[in-house]
C-alpha atoms as a PDB file:
ATOM      1  CA  MET A   1       0.614  18.941  11.488  1.00  0.00           C
ATOM      2  CA  ARG A   2       2.931  16.807   9.374  1.00  0.00           C
ATOM      3  CA  THR A   3       2.262  14.370   6.562  1.00  0.00           C
ATOM      4  CA  MET A   4       3.988  11.087   7.368  1.00  0.00           C
ATOM      5  CA  LEU A   5       4.435   7.735   5.699  1.00  0.00           C
ATOM      6  CA  ARG A   6       1.698   5.549   7.202  1.00  0.00           C
ATOM      7  CA  SER A   7       2.455   2.294   5.421  1.00  0.00           C
ATOM      8  CA  LYS A   8       4.560   0.731   2.704  1.00  0.00           C
ATOM      9  CA  ILE A   9       4.422  -2.468   0.691  1.00  0.00           C
ATOM     10  CA  HIS A  10       8.030  -2.848  -0.427  1.00  0.00           C
ATOM     11  CA  ARG A  11       9.170  -4.335  -3.753  1.00  0.00           C
ATOM     12  CA  ALA A  12       5.877  -5.918  -4.789  1.00  0.00           C
ATOM     13  CA  THR A  13       5.840  -7.569  -8.213  1.00  0.00           C
ATOM     14  CA  VAL A  14       3.249  -6.365 -10.742  1.00  0.00           C
ATOM     15  CA  THR A  15       1.181  -9.407 -11.699  1.00  0.00           C
ATOM     16  CA  ASP A  16      -1.307  -7.826 -14.096  1.00  0.00           C
ATOM     17  CA  THR A  17      -2.027  -4.725 -16.151  1.00  0.00           C
ATOM     18  CA  ASN A  18      -5.353  -3.778 -17.735  1.00  0.00           C
ATOM     19  CA  VAL A  19      -5.458  -0.456 -19.553  1.00  0.00           C
ATOM     20  CA  ASP A  20      -9.164  -0.886 -20.389  1.00  0.00           C
ATOM     21  CA  TYR A  21     -10.235  -1.018 -16.742  1.00  0.00           C
ATOM     22  CA  GLU A  22     -11.461   2.098 -14.873  1.00  0.00           C
ATOM     23  CA  GLY A  23      -8.154   2.883 -13.253  1.00  0.00           C
ATOM     24  CA  SER A  24      -6.736   1.922  -9.892  1.00  0.00           C
ATOM     25  CA  ILE A  25      -4.425  -0.643  -8.335  1.00  0.00           C
ATOM     26  CA  THR A  26      -5.713  -4.044  -7.278  1.00  0.00           C
ATOM     27  CA  ILE A  27      -3.907  -5.334  -4.185  1.00  0.00           C
ATOM     28  CA  ASP A  28      -4.187  -8.738  -2.495  1.00  0.00           C
ATOM     29  CA  ARG A  29      -6.427  -8.274   0.565  1.00  0.00           C
ATOM     30  CA  ASP A  30      -3.809  -9.897   2.833  1.00  0.00           C
ATOM     31  CA  LEU A  31      -1.282  -7.223   1.820  1.00  0.00           C
ATOM     32  CA  MET A  32      -3.870  -4.484   2.286  1.00  0.00           C
ATOM     33  CA  GLU A  33      -4.620  -5.682   5.806  1.00  0.00           C
ATOM     34  CA  ALA A  34      -0.940  -6.009   6.704  1.00  0.00           C
ATOM     35  CA  ALA A  35      -0.310  -2.449   5.502  1.00  0.00           C
ATOM     36  CA  ASP A  36      -3.636  -1.131   6.887  1.00  0.00           C
ATOM     37  CA  ILE A  37      -4.756   0.104   3.467  1.00  0.00           C
ATOM     38  CA  LEU A  38      -8.487   0.342   2.778  1.00  0.00           C
ATOM     39  CA  PRO A  39     -10.433  -0.081  -0.471  1.00  0.00           C
ATOM     40  CA  TYR A  40     -10.579   3.235  -2.402  1.00  0.00           C
ATOM     41  CA  GLU A  41      -7.761   4.721  -0.320  1.00  0.00           C
ATOM     42  CA  LEU A  42      -5.279   6.985  -2.094  1.00  0.00           C
ATOM     43  CA  VAL A  43      -1.843   5.426  -2.560  1.00  0.00           C
ATOM     44  CA  HIS A  44       1.366   6.459  -4.263  1.00  0.00           C
ATOM     45  CA  VAL A  45       3.048   3.881  -6.479  1.00  0.00           C
ATOM     46  CA  LEU A  46       6.777   4.008  -7.265  1.00  0.00           C
ATOM     47  CA  ASN A  47       8.026   1.856 -10.127  1.00  0.00           C
ATOM     48  CA  ILE A  48      11.536   0.643  -9.290  1.00  0.00           C
ATOM     49  CA  ASN A  49      12.179  -0.494 -12.876  1.00  0.00           C
ATOM     50  CA  ASN A  50      11.504   2.766 -14.714  1.00  0.00           C
ATOM     51  CA  GLY A  51      11.308   5.471 -12.027  1.00  0.00           C
ATOM     52  CA  ALA A  52       7.656   6.349 -12.664  1.00  0.00           C
ATOM     53  CA  ARG A  53       5.778   7.722  -9.654  1.00  0.00           C
ATOM     54  CA  PHE A  54       2.001   8.108  -9.640  1.00  0.00           C
ATOM     55  CA  GLN A  55      -1.001   8.032  -7.373  1.00  0.00           C
ATOM     56  CA  THR A  56      -4.226   6.087  -7.659  1.00  0.00           C
ATOM     57  CA  TYR A  57      -6.805   4.397  -5.465  1.00  0.00           C
ATOM     58  CA  VAL A  58      -6.936   0.816  -4.213  1.00  0.00           C
ATOM     59  CA  ILE A  59      -9.288  -1.988  -5.186  1.00  0.00           C
ATOM     60  CA  GLU A  60      -9.302  -5.067  -2.965  1.00  0.00           C
ATOM     61  CA  GLY A  61      -7.971  -8.211  -4.616  1.00  0.00           C
ATOM     62  CA  GLU A  62      -8.536 -11.811  -3.605  1.00  0.00           C
ATOM     63  CA  ALA A  63      -6.805 -12.740  -0.350  1.00  0.00           C
ATOM     64  CA  GLY A  64      -3.783 -14.959  -0.857  1.00  0.00           C
ATOM     65  CA  SER A  65      -3.701 -14.361  -4.606  1.00  0.00           C
ATOM     66  CA  GLY A  66      -0.591 -12.185  -4.573  1.00  0.00           C
ATOM     67  CA  VAL A  67      -2.272  -9.859  -7.064  1.00  0.00           C
ATOM     68  CA  ILE A  68      -0.761  -6.445  -7.716  1.00  0.00           C
ATOM     69  CA  GLY A  69      -2.614  -5.212 -10.783  1.00  0.00           C
ATOM     70  CA  LEU A  70      -2.432  -1.786 -12.357  1.00  0.00           C
ATOM     71  CA  ASN A  71      -5.528  -0.655 -14.197  1.00  0.00           C
ATOM     72  CA  GLY A  72      -6.558   2.171 -16.510  1.00  0.00           C
ATOM     73  CA  ALA A  73      -4.051   4.877 -17.365  1.00  0.00           C
ATOM     74  CA  ALA A  74      -1.675   3.675 -14.618  1.00  0.00           C
ATOM     75  CA  ALA A  75      -1.281   0.402 -16.511  1.00  0.00           C
ATOM     76  CA  ARG A  76       0.772   2.321 -19.083  1.00  0.00           C
ATOM     77  CA  LEU A  77       3.343   3.208 -16.403  1.00  0.00           C
ATOM     78  CA  VAL A  78       4.258  -0.379 -15.497  1.00  0.00           C
ATOM     79  CA  CYS A  79       4.934  -3.740 -17.103  1.00  0.00           C
ATOM     80  CA  LYS A  80       4.032  -7.137 -15.734  1.00  0.00           C
ATOM     81  CA  GLY A  81       6.991  -8.224 -13.597  1.00  0.00           C
ATOM     82  CA  ASP A  82       8.041  -4.689 -12.604  1.00  0.00           C
ATOM     83  CA  LEU A  83       8.848  -4.089  -8.945  1.00  0.00           C
ATOM     84  CA  VAL A  84       6.844  -1.357  -7.222  1.00  0.00           C
ATOM     85  CA  ILE A  85       6.654   0.292  -3.819  1.00  0.00           C
ATOM     86  CA  ILE A  86       3.147   1.166  -2.636  1.00  0.00           C
ATOM     87  CA  LEU A  87       2.880   3.991  -0.080  1.00  0.00           C
ATOM     88  CA  SER A  88       0.088   5.468   2.004  1.00  0.00           C
ATOM     89  CA  TYR A  89       0.317   8.622   4.087  1.00  0.00           C
ATOM     90  CA  CYS A  90      -1.430  10.268   7.020  1.00  0.00           C
ATOM     91  CA  THR A  91      -1.369  13.642   8.715  1.00  0.00           C
ATOM     92  CA  VAL A  92      -0.378  13.648  12.371  1.00  0.00           C
ATOM     93  CA  PRO A  93       0.002  16.333  15.023  1.00  0.00           C
ATOM     94  CA  GLU A  94       3.508  17.755  15.347  1.00  0.00           C
ATOM     95  CA  GLU A  95       4.032  16.232  18.786  1.00  0.00           C
ATOM     96  CA  ASP A  96       3.178  12.726  17.490  1.00  0.00           C
ATOM     97  CA  ALA A  97       5.204  13.006  14.285  1.00  0.00           C
ATOM     98  CA  ARG A  98       8.576  12.614  15.992  1.00  0.00           C
ATOM     99  CA  HIS A  99       7.570   9.224  17.429  1.00  0.00           C
ATOM    100  CA  PHE A 100       5.444   7.973  14.573  1.00  0.00           C
ATOM    101  CA  GLU A 101       6.282   4.567  13.089  1.00  0.00           C
ATOM    102  CA  PRO A 102       4.807   3.425   9.784  1.00  0.00           C
ATOM    103  CA  ARG A 103       3.729  -0.124   8.961  1.00  0.00           C
ATOM    104  CA  LEU A 104       6.294  -1.651   6.618  1.00  0.00           C
ATOM    105  CA  VAL A 105       5.446  -4.817   4.709  1.00  0.00           C
ATOM    106  CA  TYR A 106       8.181  -6.643   2.814  1.00  0.00           C
ATOM    107  CA  VAL A 107       7.234  -9.235   0.205  1.00  0.00           C
ATOM    108  CA  ASP A 108       8.954 -11.898  -1.881  1.00  0.00           C
ATOM    109  CA  ALA A 109       8.784 -12.341  -5.673  1.00  0.00           C
ATOM    110  CA  ASN A 110       5.318 -13.916  -5.304  1.00  0.00           C
ATOM    111  CA  ASN A 111       4.018 -11.022  -3.179  1.00  0.00           C
ATOM    112  CA  ARG A 112       3.949 -13.148  -0.037  1.00  0.00           C
ATOM    113  CA  ILE A 113       4.769 -11.361   3.209  1.00  0.00           C
ATOM    114  CA  VAL A 114       8.276 -12.188   4.410  1.00  0.00           C
ATOM    115  CA  ARG A 115       8.707  -9.495   7.066  1.00  0.00           C
ATOM    116  CA  ARG A 116       6.772  -6.745   8.805  1.00  0.00           C
ATOM    117  CA  LYS A 117       7.848  -3.783  10.843  1.00  0.00           C
ATOM    118  CA  GLY A 118       5.649  -1.462  12.858  1.00  0.00           C
ATOM    119  CA  CYS A 119       2.554  -3.666  12.498  1.00  0.00           C
ATOM    120  CA  GLY A 120       0.417  -3.859  15.596  1.00  0.00           C
ATOM    121  CA  ASP A 121       3.040  -2.109  17.688  1.00  0.00           C
ATOM    122  CA  GLY A 122       0.478  -0.172  19.722  1.00  0.00           C
ATOM    123  CA  GLY A 123       1.117   3.065  17.853  1.00  0.00           C
ATOM    124  CA  TRP A 124      -1.450   5.845  17.890  1.00  0.00           C
ATOM    125  CA  VAL A 125      -2.862   4.845  14.482  1.00  0.00           C
ATOM    126  CA  ASP A 126      -3.640   1.346  15.817  1.00  0.00           C
ATOM    127  CA  ALA A 127      -5.199   2.812  18.954  1.00  0.00           C
ATOM    128  CA  LEU A 128      -7.333   5.222  16.919  1.00  0.00           C
ATOM    129  CA  THR A 129      -8.432   2.429  14.571  1.00  0.00           C
ATOM    130  CA  GLU A 130      -9.478   0.278  17.522  1.00  0.00           C
ATOM    131  CA  SER A 131     -11.372   3.112  19.195  1.00  0.00           C
ATOM    132  CA  LEU A 132     -13.266   3.924  15.987  1.00  0.00           C
ATOM    133  CA  ARG A 133     -14.318   0.277  15.637  1.00  0.00           C
ATOM    134  CA  ASP A 134     -16.062   0.582  19.020  1.00  0.00           C
ATOM    135  CA  LEU A 135     -18.313   3.449  17.832  1.00  0.00           C
END
């Protein structure tokens, strides 16, 4: 088994910080869906501006809002306007790892999707997701 990058939201702009909230990252639902990230899922956040790297869980933000908000202790690791990379991972069997392709979501300065790669490409994660929906 190998741990692989499952999805990435690349160079998102932090729109809000709230140190008094319970902790987490709020992500626009459209971005979550594009990257196949679920509410309460573990993500790693990389701050391009200051090099900080941390992990937290996701809270769903309003679709189309462009929100990328860091809450709780994580809010101290970013500033509004910072660029971040948001990563999710999965564990795959060795034989699938060599052909695995993550979902990559590229956004503009307003956190609007400008390009996708690996989304809906029929990969095994998409097939598994579809089969689980049928249960």
